[in-house]
Amino acid sequence: MENVLRLAIVDPGDTTRESLKAMLLGLDSIWLEAECSRYEFFPDVVEQTSPDIALISLDADPDKALDLVSKLGGTAPKCSVFVVSSSTDGSLILRAMRAGAKEFLTQPLRLDDLVEALDRLSERKSGDSSSRGSAVIAVAGVTGGVGSTSIAVNTACALARDPQKTVALVDLDLCLGDADVFLDMIPDYTIVDVAENVSRLDFSLLKRSLTKHSSGLYLLPRPVQMQDVPLVTADGVQRVIGLLKATFSHLVIDLSKSYSQLDMTAMSLATHVMLVTQLDLPCLRNVVRLLMSFNEYDGLSEKVKIVVNRVGFGNSQISLKKAQETIGREIFWQVSNDYRTMIDVRNNGIPLTEHAPKAAITQEIVGLAEAICGSSATAGSDDDAQLSKSSLGKLLGFWGKDKTKS
């Protein structure tokens, strides 16, 4: 993962130090540069290793530990100090902050608390909480049946081909999701298990809760029982995504078609939102409606990239040029129609990269994966992104016209 944070730790307690190390060693966003068991030796360790973060446990001797915090503020001003303690005494927290600590974490340290602290540090340093390199790609369909799950699963598998990337796929279509079917997998755990236990998870438990595919992709599927759907809350989804961002370089989320609170939460946390459509009137109408709605959410519209699926399907499709004029922005990517290959892929539970690596549609998906992660630019200019009522009027004007001439 890019922009790895280098960390040094000091804790005289062997048991707690080993526990902290086990958690830190599991995070791709953290490199454990050094460890130390004596407060008095730690300044020399920091001077020699120049870590980004110094993690200081207070419990063995709070006074000596806080003196160390103050000293590092003078000798290593570029090093951010995190302190961790089993005490939640307000006076101790205040003393730690006054000494120069950037974060006060509670022992035993929870993984999601550490992730949030790292995000706050990254945001303070660069103004961008995503600066540590994790890309979150939410995939949404403008209606059912447009192939958004196919796009999500195969894009994730295409990303996972790169050994430098660690990729997880989350099926957020909690009622009817079938990402596990696309991959011919029978997972032991689902998003319900992770969401309900997120406060107790460490890295190893998180990884064991996911199911690894032969492509290298990790899957977190939808619940087995529909009765369990209400157990997954927006807060739970937010915390699960936060943990996955800390442990994977790329996270692909297959959304439902209901645009529920859970879907909107995922999109708000996403780096990119792929909006999958086809070139027919009902789909394009929904594109316009959705983009107009997204404008009501701060920053969401700018993340959206329009992906047209099944290009060339039938003779009555609206032309790409007319579609772009209608929706008011450029088409980010096109995926051609290859019905036979996609039926084989779906029925056999084998991704395109394994079933038909040389097929044109596979190369298009691979290109999409590279394009979506290789560009931080938004799809279209700011002017293009501003949809007006006239766009909807243009779209409705298609009724009664000969679509073959569009």
Protein backbone atom coordinates (compact mmCIF):
# COMPACT_ATOMS: atom_id res chain seq x y z
CA MET A 1 0.00 0.00 0.00
CA GLU A 2 1.19 3.50 -0.75
CA ASN A 3 2.02 6.04 1.95
CA VAL A 4 2.70 3.52 4.70
CA LEU A 5 3.12 5.10 8.14
CA ARG A 6 6.22 4.04 10.07
CA LEU A 7 5.66 3.48 13.78
CA ALA A 8 7.78 2.87 16.87
CA ILE A 9 6.32 1.54 20.11
CA VAL A 10 7.41 1.65 23.76
CA ASP A 11 5.72 -0.41 26.46
CA PRO A 12 7.52 -1.93 29.49
CA GLY A 13 4.73 -4.51 29.82
CA ASP A 14 5.60 -7.59 27.78
CA THR A 15 2.02 -8.84 27.49
CA THR A 16 0.47 -5.55 26.37
CA ARG A 17 3.42 -4.80 24.08
CA GLU A 18 3.00 -8.12 22.29
CA SER A 19 -0.74 -7.51 21.97
CA LEU A 20 -0.11 -4.10 20.42
CA LYS A 21 2.49 -5.55 18.07
CA ALA A 22 0.11 -8.27 16.89
CA MET A 23 -2.46 -5.67 15.92
CA LEU A 24 0.00 -3.34 14.23
CA LEU A 25 1.73 -6.07 12.24
CA GLY A 26 -1.56 -6.90 10.58
CA LEU A 27 -2.17 -3.45 9.12
CA ASP A 28 -0.91 -2.86 5.59
CA SER A 29 -0.96 0.89 6.29
CA ILE A 30 1.53 0.53 9.18
CA TRP A 31 5.17 -0.52 9.24
CA LEU A 32 6.44 -1.39 12.72
CA GLU A 33 9.83 0.29 12.61
CA ALA A 34 10.96 -0.43 16.17
CA GLU A 35 9.87 -1.57 19.61
CA CYS A 36 11.26 -0.71 23.00
CA SER A 37 10.65 -1.90 26.57
CA ARG A 38 12.26 1.02 28.45
CA TYR A 39 11.04 4.62 28.47
CA GLU A 40 14.54 6.02 28.96
CA PHE A 41 15.87 4.31 25.83
CA PHE A 42 13.02 5.35 23.57
CA PRO A 43 14.30 8.85 22.59
CA ASP A 44 17.41 7.21 21.12
CA VAL A 45 15.20 4.72 19.25
CA VAL A 46 13.15 7.56 17.77
CA GLU A 47 16.29 9.51 16.83
CA GLN A 48 17.76 6.50 15.01
CA THR A 49 14.62 5.35 13.20
CA SER A 50 12.71 8.65 12.61
CA PRO A 51 9.21 7.11 12.72
CA ASP A 52 6.06 8.93 11.66
CA ILE A 53 4.29 7.84 14.86
CA ALA A 54 5.52 7.06 18.38
CA LEU A 55 3.06 4.88 20.31
CA ILE A 56 3.65 5.19 24.07
CA SER A 57 1.94 3.01 26.66
CA LEU A 58 1.34 4.96 29.90
CA ASP A 59 0.33 2.21 32.30
CA ALA A 60 3.74 1.06 33.55
CA ASP A 61 4.66 4.53 34.86
CA PRO A 62 2.34 7.40 33.78
CA ASP A 63 4.62 10.18 35.09
CA LYS A 64 7.71 8.85 33.34
CA ALA A 65 5.71 8.15 30.16
CA LEU A 66 4.29 11.69 30.06
CA ASP A 67 7.77 13.15 30.57
CA LEU A 68 8.77 11.12 27.51
CA VAL A 69 5.88 12.58 25.52
CA SER A 70 7.04 16.10 26.38
CA LYS A 71 10.65 15.30 25.51
CA LEU A 72 9.76 13.91 22.09
CA GLY A 73 7.89 17.13 21.34
CA GLY A 74 11.23 18.92 21.47
CA THR A 75 13.60 16.31 20.05
CA ALA A 76 11.32 14.84 17.35
CA PRO A 77 8.74 17.49 16.40
CA LYS A 78 7.80 15.73 13.15
CA CYS A 79 6.90 12.52 14.99
CA SER A 80 3.22 12.30 16.02
CA VAL A 81 2.81 10.84 19.51
CA PHE A 82 -0.06 8.48 20.30
CA VAL A 83 -0.55 7.35 23.89
CA VAL A 84 -2.47 4.31 25.07
CA SER A 85 -3.71 3.54 28.59
CA SER A 86 -6.21 1.35 30.38
CA SER A 87 -7.18 4.40 32.43
CA THR A 88 -9.91 6.76 31.26
CA ASP A 89 -9.28 9.31 34.01
CA GLY A 90 -9.98 12.78 32.66
CA SER A 91 -6.98 14.37 34.37
CA LEU A 92 -4.62 11.80 32.78
CA ILE A 93 -6.08 12.45 29.33
CA LEU A 94 -5.69 16.20 29.84
CA ARG A 95 -2.10 15.81 30.99
CA ALA A 96 -1.30 13.66 27.94
CA MET A 97 -2.77 16.22 25.57
CA ARG A 98 -0.92 19.07 27.27
CA ALA A 99 2.31 17.09 27.04
CA GLY A 100 1.88 16.94 23.27
CA ALA A 101 0.08 13.68 22.53
CA LYS A 102 -1.95 13.77 19.30
CA GLU A 103 -4.23 10.86 20.25
CA PHE A 104 -5.26 9.19 23.51
CA LEU A 105 -6.27 5.55 22.91
CA THR A 106 -7.85 3.19 25.41
CA GLN A 107 -6.26 -0.12 26.33
CA PRO A 108 -7.08 -2.81 25.27
CA LEU A 109 -6.73 -1.07 21.93
CA ARG A 110 -9.51 -1.73 19.42
CA LEU A 111 -8.67 -1.94 15.76
CA ASP A 112 -11.37 0.50 14.65
CA ASP A 113 -10.20 3.08 17.23
CA LEU A 114 -6.67 2.84 15.85
CA VAL A 115 -7.93 3.15 12.27
CA GLU A 116 -9.90 6.29 13.14
CA ALA A 117 -6.84 7.79 14.84
CA LEU A 118 -4.70 7.09 11.77
CA ASP A 119 -7.33 8.69 9.55
CA ARG A 120 -7.40 11.79 11.73
CA LEU A 121 -3.61 11.99 11.58
CA SER A 122 -3.61 11.68 7.78
CA GLU A 123 -6.31 14.33 7.52
CA ARG A 124 -4.38 16.74 9.74
CA LYS A 125 -1.23 16.25 7.68
CA SER A 126 -2.71 16.44 4.19
CA GLY A 127 -6.36 17.44 4.49
CA ASP A 128 -7.33 14.12 2.90
CA SER A 129 -8.36 11.15 5.03
CA SER A 130 -7.79 8.83 2.05
CA SER A 131 -4.13 9.84 1.68
CA ARG A 132 -2.85 6.49 2.92
CA GLY A 133 -3.70 4.95 -0.43
CA SER A 134 -6.83 2.84 0.08
CA ALA A 135 -9.29 3.15 -2.82
CA VAL A 136 -12.97 2.44 -2.18
CA ILE A 137 -15.04 1.73 -5.31
CA ALA A 138 -18.81 1.60 -4.91
CA VAL A 139 -20.67 0.00 -7.82
CA ALA A 140 -24.32 0.93 -8.30
CA GLY A 141 -26.83 -0.05 -10.97
CA VAL A 142 -29.40 2.43 -12.25
CA THR A 143 -31.95 -0.39 -12.19
CA GLY A 144 -32.02 -4.15 -11.72
CA GLY A 145 -30.53 -6.34 -14.43
CA VAL A 146 -28.00 -3.91 -15.88
CA GLY A 147 -25.07 -6.07 -14.79
CA SER A 148 -23.71 -4.02 -11.91
CA THR A 149 -22.79 -7.13 -9.91
CA SER A 150 -20.96 -8.57 -12.92
CA ILE A 151 -19.04 -5.31 -13.21
CA ALA A 152 -18.28 -5.23 -9.46
CA VAL A 153 -17.12 -8.85 -9.17
CA ASN A 154 -15.03 -8.90 -12.33
CA THR A 155 -13.48 -5.49 -11.67
CA ALA A 156 -12.48 -6.69 -8.19
CA CYS A 157 -10.96 -9.87 -9.63
CA ALA A 158 -9.10 -7.84 -12.25
CA LEU A 159 -7.61 -5.65 -9.49
CA ALA A 160 -6.65 -8.72 -7.46
CA ARG A 161 -4.44 -10.00 -10.29
CA ASP A 162 -1.83 -7.43 -9.27
CA PRO A 163 0.28 -8.89 -6.43
CA GLN A 164 0.93 -5.34 -5.20
CA LYS A 165 -2.78 -4.90 -4.48
CA THR A 166 -4.86 -6.41 -1.69
CA VAL A 167 -8.53 -6.42 -2.66
CA ALA A 168 -11.78 -7.09 -0.81
CA LEU A 169 -15.31 -7.27 -2.23
CA VAL A 170 -18.30 -6.43 -0.02
CA ASP A 171 -21.79 -7.50 -1.10
CA LEU A 172 -24.07 -4.79 0.26
CA ASP A 173 -27.16 -6.05 -1.56
CA LEU A 174 -28.28 -7.57 1.72
CA CYS A 175 -31.49 -9.18 0.45
CA LEU A 176 -30.69 -10.46 -3.04
CA GLY A 177 -26.92 -10.17 -3.42
CA ASP A 178 -25.20 -12.97 -5.31
CA ALA A 179 -21.51 -12.09 -5.43
CA ASP A 180 -20.79 -15.47 -3.79
CA VAL A 181 -22.59 -17.22 -6.66
CA PHE A 182 -20.50 -15.34 -9.24
CA LEU A 183 -17.40 -16.68 -7.49
CA ASP A 184 -18.77 -20.15 -6.66
CA MET A 185 -17.98 -19.67 -2.97
CA ILE A 186 -19.67 -20.84 0.22
CA PRO A 187 -18.45 -18.41 2.90
CA ASP A 188 -18.35 -19.30 6.58
CA TYR A 189 -19.11 -15.75 7.71
CA THR A 190 -21.13 -12.83 6.37
CA ILE A 191 -21.32 -9.07 6.82
CA VAL A 192 -23.67 -9.67 9.77
CA ASP A 193 -20.95 -11.48 11.70
CA VAL A 194 -18.42 -8.73 11.06
CA ALA A 195 -20.80 -5.83 11.73
CA GLU A 196 -22.02 -7.33 15.02
CA ASN A 197 -18.48 -7.95 16.28
CA VAL A 198 -16.70 -4.94 14.82
CA SER A 199 -15.76 -3.55 18.24
CA ARG A 200 -13.99 -6.81 19.15
CA LEU A 201 -12.21 -7.46 15.86
CA ASP A 202 -8.48 -7.44 15.38
CA PHE A 203 -6.68 -7.93 12.09
CA SER A 204 -6.47 -11.70 12.26
CA LEU A 205 -10.15 -12.09 13.14
CA LEU A 206 -11.13 -9.72 10.35
CA LYS A 207 -9.17 -11.69 7.77
CA ARG A 208 -10.63 -14.98 9.04
CA SER A 209 -14.11 -13.52 8.66
CA LEU A 210 -13.54 -13.08 4.93
CA THR A 211 -13.37 -15.84 2.34
CA LYS A 212 -10.44 -15.86 -0.07
CA HIS A 213 -11.00 -16.66 -3.75
CA SER A 214 -8.42 -18.31 -6.01
CA SER A 215 -7.92 -14.95 -7.74
CA GLY A 216 -6.60 -13.49 -4.48
CA LEU A 217 -9.82 -11.56 -3.84
CA TYR A 218 -11.38 -11.56 -0.35
CA LEU A 219 -15.19 -11.66 -0.14
CA LEU A 220 -17.53 -10.40 2.57
CA PRO A 221 -20.98 -11.65 1.45
CA ARG A 222 -24.54 -10.65 2.27
CA PRO A 223 -26.44 -12.34 5.14
CA VAL A 224 -27.64 -15.91 4.67
CA GLN A 225 -31.04 -15.26 6.25
CA MET A 226 -33.13 -12.29 5.17
CA GLN A 227 -34.28 -11.97 8.77
CA ASP A 228 -30.71 -10.89 9.63
CA VAL A 229 -30.73 -7.89 7.28
CA PRO A 230 -31.90 -5.40 9.98
CA LEU A 231 -28.85 -6.36 12.08
CA VAL A 232 -26.62 -4.47 9.63
CA THR A 233 -26.82 -0.75 10.42
CA ALA A 234 -25.36 2.29 8.71
CA ASP A 235 -22.99 2.78 11.64
CA GLY A 236 -21.91 -0.85 11.38
CA VAL A 237 -21.28 -0.50 7.65
CA GLN A 238 -19.22 2.64 8.23
CA ARG A 239 -17.04 0.91 10.82
CA VAL A 240 -16.61 -2.22 8.68
CA ILE A 241 -15.53 -0.12 5.69
CA GLY A 242 -13.10 1.76 7.92
CA LEU A 243 -11.47 -1.48 9.06
CA LEU A 244 -11.29 -2.88 5.54
CA LYS A 245 -9.72 0.35 4.27
CA ALA A 246 -6.96 -0.09 6.84
CA THR A 247 -6.19 -3.66 5.78
CA PHE A 248 -6.76 -3.64 2.00
CA SER A 249 -5.40 -1.39 -0.71
CA HIS A 250 -8.65 -1.65 -2.72
CA LEU A 251 -12.21 -2.17 -1.58
CA VAL A 252 -15.06 -2.83 -4.04
CA ILE A 253 -18.63 -2.54 -2.75
CA ASP A 254 -21.56 -3.97 -4.72
CA LEU A 255 -24.57 -1.86 -3.72
CA SER A 256 -28.25 -2.75 -3.78
CA LYS A 257 -30.70 -1.12 -6.17
CA SER A 258 -32.74 0.44 -3.36
CA TYR A 259 -30.32 3.30 -2.59
CA SER A 260 -30.97 2.74 1.10
CA GLN A 261 -29.23 4.47 3.98
CA LEU A 262 -26.60 1.72 3.89
CA ASP A 263 -25.93 2.34 0.19
CA MET A 264 -25.70 6.09 0.72
CA THR A 265 -23.29 5.56 3.62
CA ALA A 266 -21.06 3.40 1.42
CA MET A 267 -21.13 5.96 -1.40
CA SER A 268 -20.24 8.77 0.99
CA LEU A 269 -17.14 6.81 2.04
CA ALA A 270 -16.20 5.81 -1.52
CA THR A 271 -13.36 7.22 -3.56
CA HIS A 272 -15.25 6.47 -6.78
CA VAL A 273 -18.86 5.54 -7.56
CA MET A 274 -19.35 3.54 -10.74
CA LEU A 275 -22.92 4.06 -11.96
CA VAL A 276 -23.73 1.19 -14.32
CA THR A 277 -26.32 1.75 -17.04
CA GLN A 278 -27.44 0.54 -20.45
CA LEU A 279 -28.32 2.60 -23.50
CA ASP A 280 -32.08 2.44 -23.25
CA LEU A 281 -34.64 4.99 -22.21
CA PRO A 282 -35.60 3.65 -18.74
CA CYS A 283 -31.93 3.35 -17.74
CA LEU A 284 -30.94 6.80 -18.98
CA ARG A 285 -33.95 8.32 -17.29
CA ASN A 286 -32.76 6.79 -14.02
CA VAL A 287 -29.24 8.09 -14.59
CA VAL A 288 -30.62 11.62 -14.83
CA ARG A 289 -32.81 11.18 -11.75
CA LEU A 290 -29.98 9.72 -9.69
CA LEU A 291 -27.46 12.38 -10.66
CA MET A 292 -29.93 15.11 -9.81
CA SER A 293 -30.46 13.46 -6.41
CA PHE A 294 -26.73 13.01 -5.83
CA ASN A 295 -26.26 16.76 -6.19
CA GLU A 296 -28.03 17.08 -2.84
CA TYR A 297 -25.20 15.17 -1.13
CA ASP A 298 -21.96 17.02 -0.54
CA GLY A 299 -19.25 15.79 -2.91
CA LEU A 300 -21.12 12.71 -4.12
CA SER A 301 -21.85 13.79 -7.69
CA GLU A 302 -18.17 14.50 -8.33
CA LYS A 303 -17.29 10.88 -7.50
CA VAL A 304 -19.66 9.37 -10.05
CA LYS A 305 -18.34 7.73 -13.19
CA ILE A 306 -20.83 6.49 -15.77
CA VAL A 307 -20.15 2.96 -17.03
CA VAL A 308 -22.24 1.77 -19.98
CA ASN A 309 -22.69 -1.99 -20.01
CA ARG A 310 -23.78 -4.29 -22.86
CA VAL A 311 -22.94 -1.84 -25.62
CA GLY A 312 -24.19 -3.26 -28.90
CA PHE A 313 -27.03 -5.21 -27.33
CA GLY A 314 -29.90 -5.09 -29.86
CA ASN A 315 -30.51 -2.57 -32.60
CA SER A 316 -32.69 -0.15 -30.66
CA GLN A 317 -30.07 1.31 -28.34
CA ILE A 318 -29.73 5.05 -28.02
CA SER A 319 -26.40 6.30 -29.38
CA LEU A 320 -23.56 7.14 -27.00
CA LYS A 321 -23.48 10.71 -28.29
CA LYS A 322 -27.18 11.21 -27.61
CA ALA A 323 -26.86 9.55 -24.20
CA GLN A 324 -24.04 11.90 -23.19
CA GLU A 325 -26.02 14.92 -24.31
CA THR A 326 -28.94 13.69 -22.29
CA ILE A 327 -27.22 12.93 -19.00
CA GLY A 328 -24.99 16.01 -19.17
CA ARG A 329 -21.61 14.38 -18.71
CA GLU A 330 -19.12 12.11 -20.45
CA ILE A 331 -19.31 8.33 -20.44
CA PHE A 332 -16.36 7.10 -18.38
CA TRP A 333 -16.18 3.54 -19.75
CA GLN A 334 -17.95 1.13 -22.09
CA VAL A 335 -18.29 -2.64 -21.78
CA SER A 336 -19.46 -4.48 -24.88
CA ASN A 337 -22.22 -7.06 -24.98
CA ASP A 338 -20.95 -10.66 -24.89
CA TYR A 339 -23.96 -12.64 -23.77
CA ARG A 340 -22.51 -16.11 -24.26
CA THR A 341 -19.31 -15.46 -22.33
CA MET A 342 -21.12 -13.77 -19.45
CA ILE A 343 -23.67 -16.59 -19.16
CA ASP A 344 -20.83 -19.12 -19.00
CA VAL A 345 -19.03 -17.03 -16.38
CA ARG A 346 -22.12 -16.68 -14.23
CA ASN A 347 -23.27 -20.31 -14.47
CA ASN A 348 -19.80 -21.69 -13.76
CA GLY A 349 -18.93 -19.24 -11.00
CA ILE A 350 -15.61 -18.32 -12.63
CA PRO A 351 -14.53 -14.68 -13.15
CA LEU A 352 -13.71 -13.40 -16.61
CA THR A 353 -9.98 -13.16 -15.90
CA GLU A 354 -9.89 -16.94 -15.34
CA HIS A 355 -12.62 -18.15 -17.71
CA ALA A 356 -11.84 -16.03 -20.78
CA PRO A 357 -8.64 -14.03 -20.17
CA LYS A 358 -8.17 -13.13 -23.86
CA ALA A 359 -11.78 -12.17 -24.60
CA ALA A 360 -12.49 -8.59 -25.60
CA ILE A 361 -14.93 -8.12 -22.71
CA THR A 362 -12.26 -9.30 -20.25
CA GLN A 363 -9.79 -6.76 -21.59
CA GLU A 364 -12.43 -4.06 -21.25
CA ILE A 365 -12.99 -4.96 -17.60
CA VAL A 366 -9.23 -5.02 -16.95
CA GLY A 367 -9.00 -1.61 -18.60
CA LEU A 368 -11.84 -0.34 -16.42
CA ALA A 369 -10.06 -1.56 -13.28
CA GLU A 370 -6.89 0.23 -14.32
CA ALA A 371 -8.72 3.41 -15.33
CA ILE A 372 -10.82 3.69 -12.18
CA CYS A 373 -7.76 3.38 -9.93
CA GLY A 374 -5.35 5.28 -12.11
CA SER A 375 -7.33 8.50 -12.27
CA SER A 376 -8.55 10.71 -9.48
CA ALA A 377 -10.28 13.01 -11.93
CA THR A 378 -14.02 13.23 -11.88
CA ALA A 379 -16.07 12.08 -14.83
CA GLY A 380 -16.64 15.25 -16.79
CA SER A 381 -16.16 18.87 -15.88
CA ASP A 382 -18.01 20.78 -13.22
CA ASP A 383 -20.31 22.19 -15.88
CA ASP A 384 -21.04 18.72 -17.20
CA ALA A 385 -21.84 17.50 -13.71
CA GLN A 386 -24.54 20.09 -13.20
CA LEU A 387 -27.76 18.48 -14.39
CA SER A 388 -30.80 20.65 -14.99
CA LYS A 389 -34.44 20.12 -15.65
CA SER A 390 -33.71 20.56 -19.34
CA SER A 391 -31.71 17.31 -19.25
CA LEU A 392 -34.74 15.45 -18.01
CA GLY A 393 -36.83 17.20 -20.65
CA LYS A 394 -34.45 16.05 -23.38
CA LEU A 395 -34.65 12.51 -22.11
CA LEU A 396 -38.43 12.47 -21.97
CA GLY A 397 -38.37 13.83 -25.49
CA PHE A 398 -37.15 10.44 -26.69
CA TRP A 399 -40.68 9.08 -26.28
CA GLY A 400 -42.35 8.60 -29.62
CA LYS A 401 -39.11 8.94 -31.58
CA ASP A 402 -37.39 6.30 -33.68
CA LYS A 403 -34.65 5.06 -31.36
CA THR A 404 -32.77 3.38 -34.19
CA LYS A 405 -32.00 6.83 -35.61
CA SER A 406 -30.84 8.31 -32.30
